[in-house]
């Protein structure tokens, strides 16, 4: 039985409408702005890229003083404090034609949520990355990426595969100090490689023994290293 030209036209129009609806839904999902996204904005008189007073006057002195007793101690890191630190890292940042700015960090039970605005050829998208820091049975720290979203669209599998390939290419193309903290963090984020969570504080060292994340705060259990 032959399908009439009119029926074929109707079918074609229906498919075009379906394609249009799907395209609109995708665009809406991509440009969606999450309600909890509140970019860090600290106007304390300091210039961008200057070190945060929260870091230099509160957090680091606390760690340094408590480490001198040689006993395990807890450090409470507030969400506002971290956002103050993040706000002073020097924004916007540009890479491969993408402009990234207006960052925000959110502490929710068990996770650290990082958000920011990406501008691609004049179109703004909200990027969300959810990390779930974990200390394993060997005492190693890992920073697995649990979720990556653009707007309301979950792109985690594709983004993780792409990031892993880019990281491998970077390792192959340039020299990277594998003992540098930045390299270890990158390997954990992009390649799921845990590392020794030992950090130098002035002339001493401390190890992160435990991390617990609550609403709007993170508590780290630190142990001085002899």
Protein backbone atom coordinates (compact mmCIF):
# COMPACT_ATOMS: atom_id res chain seq x y z
CA UNK A 1 0.00 0.00 0.00
CA UNK A 2 1.49 3.32 -1.12
CA UNK A 3 1.74 6.22 1.30
CA UNK A 4 0.30 9.39 -0.18
CA UNK A 5 2.41 12.53 -0.57
CA UNK A 6 0.17 14.28 1.96
CA UNK A 7 0.76 11.54 4.55
CA UNK A 8 4.51 11.73 3.96
CA UNK A 9 4.44 15.50 4.45
CA UNK A 10 2.49 15.14 7.69
CA UNK A 11 4.98 12.54 8.93
CA UNK A 12 7.91 14.80 8.00
CA UNK A 13 6.34 17.76 9.81
CA UNK A 14 5.78 15.59 12.90
CA UNK A 15 9.43 14.52 12.95
CA UNK A 16 10.57 18.13 12.51
CA UNK A 17 8.37 19.14 15.46
CA UNK A 18 9.86 16.33 17.55
CA UNK A 19 13.39 17.45 16.63
CA UNK A 20 12.51 21.05 17.48
CA UNK A 21 11.04 20.09 20.85
CA UNK A 22 14.10 17.97 21.71
CA UNK A 23 16.43 20.83 20.70
CA UNK A 24 14.48 23.31 22.84
CA UNK A 25 14.53 20.95 25.84
CA UNK A 26 18.30 20.46 25.48
CA UNK A 27 18.91 24.21 25.29
CA UNK A 28 16.68 24.84 28.32
CA UNK A 29 18.54 22.17 30.31
CA UNK A 30 21.92 23.57 29.30
CA UNK A 31 21.17 27.20 30.20
CA UNK A 32 19.32 26.28 33.41
CA UNK A 33 20.61 28.18 36.46
CA UNK A 34 20.54 26.05 39.65
CA UNK A 35 18.75 27.75 42.53
CA UNK A 36 21.59 27.08 44.99
CA UNK A 37 24.16 28.81 42.78
CA UNK A 38 25.33 31.93 44.58
CA UNK A 39 28.71 33.12 43.26
CA UNK A 40 31.35 34.07 45.82
CA UNK A 41 31.46 37.84 46.25
CA UNK A 42 33.71 39.25 48.96
CA UNK A 43 34.41 42.95 48.91
CA UNK A 44 36.95 43.30 51.73
CA UNK A 45 39.17 45.89 50.09
CA UNK A 46 41.79 43.44 48.82
CA UNK A 47 42.64 43.16 45.17
CA UNK A 48 41.93 40.08 43.14
CA UNK A 49 44.56 37.33 43.39
CA UNK A 50 45.60 38.53 46.88
CA UNK A 51 45.71 35.79 49.50
CA UNK A 52 42.55 35.47 51.57
CA UNK A 53 42.65 36.81 55.17
CA UNK A 54 40.65 33.73 56.18
CA UNK A 55 43.53 31.58 54.96
CA UNK A 56 46.42 33.65 56.34
CA UNK A 57 44.90 35.01 59.57
CA UNK A 58 42.58 32.25 60.67
CA UNK A 59 42.96 28.81 59.06
CA UNK A 60 46.75 28.47 58.69
CA UNK A 61 47.59 29.93 62.15
CA UNK A 62 45.05 27.53 63.70
CA UNK A 63 46.67 24.52 62.01
CA UNK A 64 50.20 25.71 62.82
CA UNK A 65 49.45 26.33 66.51
CA UNK A 66 47.57 23.07 67.09
CA UNK A 67 50.19 21.00 65.25
CA UNK A 68 52.86 22.09 67.74
CA UNK A 69 51.22 20.05 70.51
CA UNK A 70 52.02 16.85 68.62
CA UNK A 71 48.52 15.43 69.04
CA UNK A 72 45.63 14.85 66.60
CA UNK A 73 43.30 17.82 66.28
CA UNK A 74 40.25 18.92 64.32
CA UNK A 75 40.03 21.86 61.94
CA UNK A 76 36.65 23.28 60.98
CA UNK A 77 36.57 24.84 57.51
CA UNK A 78 33.53 27.00 56.82
CA UNK A 79 31.77 27.33 53.49
CA UNK A 80 32.02 31.13 53.68
CA UNK A 81 35.74 30.86 54.40
CA UNK A 82 36.38 28.64 51.40
CA UNK A 83 34.38 30.98 49.17
CA UNK A 84 36.50 33.88 50.37
CA UNK A 85 39.61 31.93 49.38
CA UNK A 86 38.11 30.98 46.00
CA UNK A 87 37.02 34.56 45.26
CA UNK A 88 40.64 35.72 45.52
CA UNK A 89 42.12 33.23 43.04
CA UNK A 90 42.01 35.70 40.17
CA UNK A 91 38.94 35.60 37.95
CA UNK A 92 37.98 35.29 35.14
CA UNK A 93 40.13 32.45 33.81
CA UNK A 94 40.35 31.68 30.09
CA UNK A 95 41.11 28.36 28.36
CA UNK A 96 40.51 27.22 24.78
CA UNK A 97 38.07 30.03 24.06
CA UNK A 98 36.08 29.43 27.26
CA UNK A 99 35.85 32.15 29.90
CA UNK A 100 35.23 30.87 33.44
CA UNK A 101 34.15 33.18 36.28
CA UNK A 102 31.77 33.72 39.23
CA UNK A 103 32.85 30.63 41.22
CA UNK A 104 31.04 29.20 44.24
CA UNK A 105 31.75 26.33 46.63
CA UNK A 106 28.98 24.58 48.56
CA UNK A 107 29.35 22.05 51.36
CA UNK A 108 26.59 19.46 51.53
CA UNK A 109 26.65 16.24 53.60
CA UNK A 110 29.33 14.01 52.10
CA UNK A 111 30.16 16.26 49.13
CA UNK A 112 31.84 19.45 47.98
CA UNK A 113 29.96 21.12 45.12
CA UNK A 114 31.92 23.51 42.91
CA UNK A 115 30.01 25.80 40.57
CA UNK A 116 30.91 28.50 38.10
CA UNK A 117 29.79 30.32 34.96
CA UNK A 118 31.34 29.35 31.63
CA UNK A 119 30.99 31.80 28.76
CA UNK A 120 31.30 30.18 25.32
CA UNK A 121 30.99 32.62 22.42
CA UNK A 122 28.73 34.91 24.44
CA UNK A 123 26.45 32.17 25.79
CA UNK A 124 26.57 31.50 29.54
CA UNK A 125 26.33 28.04 31.08
CA UNK A 126 26.48 27.08 34.77
CA UNK A 127 29.00 24.28 35.36
CA UNK A 128 28.55 22.07 38.45
CA UNK A 129 31.16 19.59 39.68
CA UNK A 130 30.47 17.43 42.73
CA UNK A 131 33.43 15.90 44.60
CA UNK A 132 33.25 13.26 47.31
CA UNK A 133 36.62 13.25 49.15
CA UNK A 134 37.45 9.93 50.77
CA UNK A 135 40.24 8.51 52.93
CA UNK A 136 40.71 4.81 52.14
CA UNK A 137 41.82 1.97 54.43
CA UNK A 138 45.48 2.68 53.61
CA UNK A 139 45.07 6.29 54.70
CA UNK A 140 45.26 7.62 51.15
CA UNK A 141 43.12 10.54 50.00
CA UNK A 142 41.09 10.36 46.82
CA UNK A 143 38.98 13.10 45.24
CA UNK A 144 36.53 11.26 42.99
CA UNK A 145 34.27 13.34 40.78
CA UNK A 146 30.74 12.08 41.46
CA UNK A 147 28.85 14.34 39.09
CA UNK A 148 29.41 16.93 36.35
CA UNK A 149 26.54 19.01 35.02
CA UNK A 150 26.06 21.78 32.49
CA UNK A 151 22.95 23.63 33.58
CA UNK A 152 20.59 20.81 34.53
CA UNK A 153 22.11 18.29 32.11
CA UNK A 154 24.22 15.50 33.59
CA UNK A 155 27.30 14.91 31.40
CA UNK A 156 29.36 12.94 33.95
CA UNK A 157 30.36 9.85 31.87
CA UNK A 158 31.36 11.83 28.77
CA UNK A 159 33.12 14.57 30.77
CA UNK A 160 35.14 12.07 32.84
CA UNK A 161 36.30 10.17 29.75
CA UNK A 162 37.28 13.42 28.01
CA UNK A 163 39.09 14.77 31.10
CA UNK A 164 41.00 11.49 31.51
CA UNK A 165 42.18 11.59 27.88
CA UNK A 166 43.22 15.25 28.16
CA UNK A 167 45.13 14.52 31.36
CA UNK A 168 46.97 11.59 29.71
CA UNK A 169 47.87 13.78 26.72
CA UNK A 170 49.17 16.51 29.02
CA UNK A 171 51.33 14.00 30.90
CA UNK A 172 52.77 12.76 27.62
CA UNK A 173 53.46 16.22 26.18
CA UNK A 174 55.05 18.15 29.06
CA UNK A 175 57.14 17.42 32.13
CA UNK A 176 55.15 17.35 35.36
CA UNK A 177 56.60 16.95 38.85
CA UNK A 178 54.75 13.87 40.10
CA UNK A 179 55.57 14.78 43.70
CA UNK A 180 54.02 18.25 43.47
CA UNK A 181 50.73 18.63 45.35
CA UNK A 182 49.00 20.10 42.29
CA UNK A 183 49.97 17.05 40.21
CA UNK A 184 48.70 14.63 42.85
CA UNK A 185 45.39 16.47 43.10
CA UNK A 186 45.03 16.50 39.30
CA UNK A 187 45.79 12.75 39.14
CA UNK A 188 43.16 12.09 41.79
CA UNK A 189 40.53 14.25 40.08
CA UNK A 190 41.11 13.09 36.52
CA UNK A 191 42.50 9.58 36.98
CA UNK A 192 41.12 8.40 40.34
CA UNK A 193 44.64 8.07 41.80
CA UNK A 194 44.72 8.35 45.62
CA UNK A 195 47.70 10.04 47.27
CA UNK A 196 49.34 10.52 50.66
CA UNK A 197 47.45 13.42 52.31
CA UNK A 198 50.54 14.89 53.99
CA UNK A 199 51.00 18.66 53.84
CA UNK A 200 53.80 20.96 54.96
CA UNK A 201 52.81 23.62 57.49
CA UNK A 202 55.67 26.06 57.99
CA UNK A 203 58.51 23.72 59.07
CA UNK A 204 56.28 20.81 60.13
CA UNK A 205 53.98 18.37 58.42
CA UNK A 206 50.45 17.13 59.08
CA UNK A 207 48.45 14.23 57.70
CA UNK A 208 44.73 14.31 57.01
CA UNK A 209 43.33 11.32 58.86
CA UNK A 210 39.63 11.90 58.33
CA UNK A 211 37.32 14.22 56.41
CA UNK A 212 33.67 14.77 57.32
CA UNK A 213 31.49 17.14 55.31
CA UNK A 214 28.35 18.65 56.79
CA UNK A 215 25.97 21.38 55.65
CA UNK A 216 28.12 24.51 55.09
CA UNK A 217 31.21 23.16 56.86
CA UNK A 218 33.96 20.58 56.59
CA UNK A 219 35.80 19.04 59.53
CA UNK A 220 39.27 17.61 58.91
CA UNK A 221 41.05 15.44 61.47
CA UNK A 222 44.78 16.25 61.27
CA UNK A 223 47.70 14.33 62.78
CA UNK A 224 51.18 15.91 63.14
CA UNK A 225 53.86 13.93 61.33
CA UNK A 226 57.20 13.53 63.10
